[in-house]
Amino acid sequence: MKENSKFYKTIREETGLSEIKIDIIVKHQFAFLKRKMQEDGLQGVLLHGLGTFRARRGRIDFLIKKIIWRLRKKSGNELELKEKIRYLWAVRKNTYK
């Protein structure tokens, strides 16, 4: 909480909430964001007032390369891995035009 004291102070001045309530709200929002970003969909997450958060392009590229490596090594179900690559490529293409 100490490292965010300026952030909390600004919010407290604007809203009139205590720092404890602000801390609870902030931790809840980031826990929600973390949970949503870890889901398989890799969809963007909209937090009102903060914007849309989405997986980085480099992360998607890394996942694609990792699956290609597994395909070449023949570890795992080939059809399932190819389907994952198709999905990740579509996410990459639609998210980063």
N, C-alpha and C. Protein backbone atom coordinates (compact mmCIF):
# COMPACT_ATOMS: atom_id res chain seq x y z
N MET A 1 0.83 -1.19 0.00
CA MET A 1 0.00 0.00 0.00
C MET A 1 0.87 1.24 0.00
N LYS A 2 2.08 1.14 0.54
CA LYS A 2 2.95 2.30 0.64
C LYS A 2 3.39 2.81 -0.72
N GLU A 3 3.68 1.89 -1.66
CA GLU A 3 4.15 2.29 -2.97
C GLU A 3 3.07 2.99 -3.80
N ASN A 4 1.82 2.81 -3.44
CA ASN A 4 0.70 3.43 -4.16
C ASN A 4 0.10 4.61 -3.40
N SER A 5 0.81 5.15 -2.43
CA SER A 5 0.22 6.17 -1.57
C SER A 5 -0.22 7.42 -2.34
N LYS A 6 0.55 7.85 -3.34
CA LYS A 6 0.15 9.02 -4.13
C LYS A 6 -1.12 8.72 -4.93
N PHE A 7 -1.15 7.52 -5.49
CA PHE A 7 -2.31 7.09 -6.26
C PHE A 7 -3.55 7.05 -5.37
N TYR A 8 -3.41 6.45 -4.20
CA TYR A 8 -4.52 6.36 -3.26
C TYR A 8 -4.95 7.74 -2.76
N LYS A 9 -3.98 8.61 -2.53
CA LYS A 9 -4.29 9.96 -2.05
C LYS A 9 -5.12 10.72 -3.09
N THR A 10 -4.73 10.60 -4.35
CA THR A 10 -5.48 11.26 -5.43
C THR A 10 -6.91 10.75 -5.50
N ILE A 11 -7.06 9.44 -5.42
CA ILE A 11 -8.40 8.85 -5.48
C ILE A 11 -9.21 9.27 -4.25
N ARG A 12 -8.57 9.26 -3.07
CA ARG A 12 -9.27 9.64 -1.85
C ARG A 12 -9.78 11.07 -1.93
N GLU A 13 -8.97 11.98 -2.49
CA GLU A 13 -9.38 13.38 -2.61
C GLU A 13 -10.56 13.53 -3.56
N GLU A 14 -10.58 12.75 -4.62
CA GLU A 14 -11.65 12.86 -5.61
C GLU A 14 -12.94 12.18 -5.18
N THR A 15 -12.82 11.06 -4.44
CA THR A 15 -14.02 10.28 -4.11
C THR A 15 -14.47 10.41 -2.65
N GLY A 16 -13.54 10.73 -1.77
CA GLY A 16 -13.88 10.81 -0.36
C GLY A 16 -13.87 9.47 0.36
N LEU A 17 -13.39 8.42 -0.30
CA LEU A 17 -13.31 7.09 0.33
C LEU A 17 -12.03 6.98 1.16
N SER A 18 -12.05 6.05 2.12
CA SER A 18 -10.85 5.83 2.93
C SER A 18 -9.82 5.03 2.13
N GLU A 19 -8.55 5.09 2.56
CA GLU A 19 -7.49 4.37 1.85
C GLU A 19 -7.70 2.86 1.91
N ILE A 20 -8.27 2.37 2.98
CA ILE A 20 -8.52 0.94 3.11
C ILE A 20 -9.53 0.47 2.06
N LYS A 21 -10.61 1.23 1.89
CA LYS A 21 -11.61 0.88 0.87
C LYS A 21 -11.01 0.98 -0.53
N ILE A 22 -10.20 1.99 -0.75
CA ILE A 22 -9.56 2.15 -2.06
C ILE A 22 -8.64 0.97 -2.33
N ASP A 23 -7.88 0.56 -1.31
CA ASP A 23 -6.98 -0.58 -1.45
C ASP A 23 -7.76 -1.84 -1.80
N ILE A 24 -8.89 -2.07 -1.15
CA ILE A 24 -9.72 -3.25 -1.43
C ILE A 24 -10.24 -3.21 -2.87
N ILE A 25 -10.69 -2.05 -3.31
CA ILE A 25 -11.23 -1.91 -4.67
C ILE A 25 -10.14 -2.15 -5.71
N VAL A 26 -8.97 -1.55 -5.49
CA VAL A 26 -7.87 -1.71 -6.45
C VAL A 26 -7.43 -3.17 -6.53
N LYS A 27 -7.27 -3.82 -5.39
CA LYS A 27 -6.85 -5.23 -5.39
C LYS A 27 -7.90 -6.11 -6.06
N HIS A 28 -9.18 -5.80 -5.84
CA HIS A 28 -10.25 -6.56 -6.47
C HIS A 28 -10.20 -6.39 -7.99
N GLN A 29 -10.03 -5.16 -8.47
CA GLN A 29 -10.01 -4.91 -9.91
C GLN A 29 -8.84 -5.63 -10.57
N PHE A 30 -7.65 -5.58 -9.95
CA PHE A 30 -6.50 -6.24 -10.56
C PHE A 30 -6.59 -7.76 -10.46
N ALA A 31 -7.23 -8.28 -9.42
CA ALA A 31 -7.45 -9.72 -9.33
C ALA A 31 -8.41 -10.17 -10.43
N PHE A 32 -9.46 -9.38 -10.65
CA PHE A 32 -10.42 -9.65 -11.72
C PHE A 32 -9.72 -9.63 -13.08
N LEU A 33 -8.90 -8.60 -13.29
CA LEU A 33 -8.17 -8.46 -14.55
C LEU A 33 -7.24 -9.65 -14.77
N LYS A 34 -6.52 -10.05 -13.74
CA LYS A 34 -5.60 -11.18 -13.84
C LYS A 34 -6.34 -12.47 -14.18
N ARG A 35 -7.48 -12.69 -13.52
CA ARG A 35 -8.28 -13.89 -13.78
C ARG A 35 -8.77 -13.92 -15.23
N LYS A 36 -9.27 -12.80 -15.71
CA LYS A 36 -9.79 -12.74 -17.07
C LYS A 36 -8.69 -12.89 -18.12
N MET A 37 -7.51 -12.33 -17.84
CA MET A 37 -6.41 -12.42 -18.79
C MET A 37 -5.85 -13.84 -18.87
N GLN A 38 -6.05 -14.64 -17.83
CA GLN A 38 -5.54 -16.00 -17.82
C GLN A 38 -6.50 -16.99 -18.47
N GLU A 39 -7.70 -16.56 -18.81
CA GLU A 39 -8.65 -17.45 -19.47
C GLU A 39 -8.16 -17.77 -20.88
N ASP A 40 -8.66 -18.86 -21.44
CA ASP A 40 -8.21 -19.32 -22.75
C ASP A 40 -8.57 -18.37 -23.88
N GLY A 41 -9.59 -17.56 -23.70
CA GLY A 41 -10.07 -16.73 -24.79
C GLY A 41 -9.13 -15.64 -25.26
N LEU A 42 -8.25 -15.17 -24.41
CA LEU A 42 -7.34 -14.07 -24.71
C LEU A 42 -8.08 -12.84 -25.24
N GLN A 43 -9.31 -12.68 -24.82
CA GLN A 43 -10.09 -11.53 -25.25
C GLN A 43 -9.68 -10.31 -24.44
N GLY A 44 -9.91 -9.14 -25.00
CA GLY A 44 -9.64 -7.91 -24.29
C GLY A 44 -10.60 -7.75 -23.12
N VAL A 45 -10.13 -7.13 -22.04
CA VAL A 45 -10.95 -6.92 -20.86
C VAL A 45 -11.12 -5.41 -20.68
N LEU A 46 -12.36 -4.95 -20.65
CA LEU A 46 -12.64 -3.53 -20.49
C LEU A 46 -12.88 -3.23 -19.02
N LEU A 47 -12.07 -2.33 -18.46
CA LEU A 47 -12.29 -1.80 -17.12
C LEU A 47 -12.70 -0.35 -17.29
N HIS A 48 -13.93 -0.04 -16.93
CA HIS A 48 -14.44 1.30 -17.11
C HIS A 48 -13.56 2.31 -16.40
N GLY A 49 -13.16 3.33 -17.14
CA GLY A 49 -12.31 4.38 -16.60
C GLY A 49 -10.82 4.09 -16.75
N LEU A 50 -10.47 2.84 -17.04
CA LEU A 50 -9.05 2.50 -17.20
C LEU A 50 -8.71 2.04 -18.62
N GLY A 51 -9.70 1.61 -19.38
CA GLY A 51 -9.45 1.19 -20.75
C GLY A 51 -9.54 -0.32 -20.93
N THR A 52 -9.10 -0.77 -22.09
CA THR A 52 -9.15 -2.18 -22.44
C THR A 52 -7.76 -2.78 -22.29
N PHE A 53 -7.70 -3.90 -21.63
CA PHE A 53 -6.45 -4.63 -21.45
C PHE A 53 -6.52 -5.89 -22.30
N ARG A 54 -5.43 -6.21 -22.98
CA ARG A 54 -5.39 -7.41 -23.81
C ARG A 54 -3.99 -8.00 -23.80
N ALA A 55 -3.90 -9.25 -24.25
CA ALA A 55 -2.61 -9.94 -24.28
C ALA A 55 -1.67 -9.20 -25.24
N ARG A 56 -0.40 -9.13 -24.87
CA ARG A 56 0.59 -8.48 -25.72
C ARG A 56 0.82 -9.32 -26.97
N ARG A 57 1.15 -8.63 -28.04
CA ARG A 57 1.40 -9.32 -29.31
C ARG A 57 2.58 -10.28 -29.16
N GLY A 58 3.59 -9.88 -28.43
CA GLY A 58 4.76 -10.73 -28.22
C GLY A 58 4.39 -12.01 -27.49
N ARG A 59 3.45 -11.93 -26.56
CA ARG A 59 3.00 -13.11 -25.82
C ARG A 59 2.28 -14.09 -26.75
N ILE A 60 1.44 -13.56 -27.63
CA ILE A 60 0.73 -14.42 -28.58
C ILE A 60 1.73 -15.07 -29.53
N ASP A 61 2.71 -14.30 -30.02
CA ASP A 61 3.74 -14.85 -30.90
C ASP A 61 4.53 -15.95 -30.20
N PHE A 62 4.85 -15.73 -28.92
CA PHE A 62 5.57 -16.73 -28.14
C PHE A 62 4.78 -18.02 -28.04
N LEU A 63 3.48 -17.91 -27.77
CA LEU A 63 2.64 -19.10 -27.66
C LEU A 63 2.56 -19.87 -28.98
N ILE A 64 2.49 -19.12 -30.10
CA ILE A 64 2.45 -19.77 -31.42
C ILE A 64 3.76 -20.52 -31.67
N LYS A 65 4.89 -19.87 -31.38
CA LYS A 65 6.19 -20.52 -31.58
C LYS A 65 6.35 -21.75 -30.69
N LYS A 66 5.86 -21.65 -29.48
CA LYS A 66 5.94 -22.79 -28.55
C LYS A 66 5.15 -23.98 -29.07
N ILE A 67 3.97 -23.73 -29.62
CA ILE A 67 3.15 -24.82 -30.15
C ILE A 67 3.78 -25.40 -31.41
N ILE A 68 4.38 -24.55 -32.26
CA ILE A 68 5.07 -25.06 -33.46
C ILE A 68 6.23 -25.96 -33.04
N TRP A 69 6.95 -25.55 -32.00
CA TRP A 69 8.06 -26.36 -31.49
C TRP A 69 7.55 -27.73 -31.02
N ARG A 70 6.40 -27.73 -30.32
CA ARG A 70 5.82 -29.00 -29.85
C ARG A 70 5.37 -29.86 -31.03
N LEU A 71 4.86 -29.23 -32.10
CA LEU A 71 4.48 -29.99 -33.29
C LEU A 71 5.68 -30.66 -33.92
N ARG A 72 6.77 -29.92 -34.03
CA ARG A 72 7.98 -30.47 -34.65
C ARG A 72 8.57 -31.60 -33.81
N LYS A 73 8.44 -31.46 -32.50
CA LYS A 73 8.96 -32.48 -31.59
C LYS A 73 8.00 -33.67 -31.46
N LYS A 74 6.81 -33.50 -32.02
CA LYS A 74 5.75 -34.51 -31.97
C LYS A 74 5.34 -34.86 -30.55
N SER A 75 5.20 -33.83 -29.72
CA SER A 75 4.71 -34.05 -28.35
C SER A 75 3.31 -33.46 -28.25
N GLY A 76 2.33 -34.32 -28.17
CA GLY A 76 0.95 -33.87 -28.06
C GLY A 76 0.14 -34.26 -29.29
N ASN A 77 -1.14 -34.03 -29.19
CA ASN A 77 -2.07 -34.34 -30.26
C ASN A 77 -1.89 -33.31 -31.38
N GLU A 78 -1.53 -33.78 -32.56
CA GLU A 78 -1.22 -32.89 -33.68
C GLU A 78 -2.42 -32.05 -34.10
N LEU A 79 -3.59 -32.66 -34.19
CA LEU A 79 -4.79 -31.90 -34.60
C LEU A 79 -5.15 -30.83 -33.58
N GLU A 80 -5.05 -31.17 -32.31
CA GLU A 80 -5.36 -30.22 -31.24
C GLU A 80 -4.37 -29.04 -31.26
N LEU A 81 -3.09 -29.33 -31.47
CA LEU A 81 -2.09 -28.27 -31.51
C LEU A 81 -2.30 -27.36 -32.72
N LYS A 82 -2.64 -27.95 -33.86
CA LYS A 82 -2.90 -27.14 -35.06
C LYS A 82 -4.12 -26.24 -34.86
N GLU A 83 -5.12 -26.76 -34.17
CA GLU A 83 -6.31 -25.96 -33.88
C GLU A 83 -5.97 -24.78 -32.97
N LYS A 84 -5.09 -25.01 -32.00
CA LYS A 84 -4.65 -23.93 -31.11
C LYS A 84 -3.90 -22.86 -31.89
N ILE A 85 -3.07 -23.28 -32.84
CA ILE A 85 -2.34 -22.31 -33.67
C ILE A 85 -3.31 -21.48 -34.50
N ARG A 86 -4.30 -22.13 -35.09
CA ARG A 86 -5.31 -21.40 -35.87
C ARG A 86 -6.03 -20.36 -35.00
N TYR A 87 -6.38 -20.78 -33.80
CA TYR A 87 -7.08 -19.87 -32.89
C TYR A 87 -6.19 -18.69 -32.51
N LEU A 88 -4.95 -18.97 -32.11
CA LEU A 88 -4.03 -17.90 -31.70
C LEU A 88 -3.74 -16.96 -32.86
N TRP A 89 -3.61 -17.52 -34.06
CA TRP A 89 -3.34 -16.69 -35.22
C TRP A 89 -4.54 -15.77 -35.50
N ALA A 90 -5.74 -16.30 -35.35
CA ALA A 90 -6.94 -15.47 -35.55
C ALA A 90 -7.02 -14.36 -34.50
N VAL A 91 -6.69 -14.69 -33.25
CA VAL A 91 -6.68 -13.67 -32.19
C VAL A 91 -5.66 -12.59 -32.52
N ARG A 92 -4.47 -13.01 -32.94
CA ARG A 92 -3.40 -12.05 -33.29
C ARG A 92 -3.84 -11.15 -34.43
N LYS A 93 -4.43 -11.78 -35.45
CA LYS A 93 -4.84 -11.04 -36.65
C LYS A 93 -5.96 -10.04 -36.32
N ASN A 94 -6.92 -10.45 -35.51
CA ASN A 94 -8.06 -9.58 -35.19
C ASN A 94 -7.71 -8.51 -34.16
N THR A 95 -6.81 -8.81 -33.25
CA THR A 95 -6.47 -7.85 -32.20
C THR A 95 -5.49 -6.81 -32.69
N TYR A 96 -4.51 -7.23 -33.46
CA TYR A 96 -3.47 -6.33 -33.92
C TYR A 96 -3.50 -6.23 -35.45
N LYS A 97 -4.35 -5.36 -35.94
CA LYS A 97 -4.53 -5.19 -37.40
C LYS A 97 -3.49 -4.27 -37.95
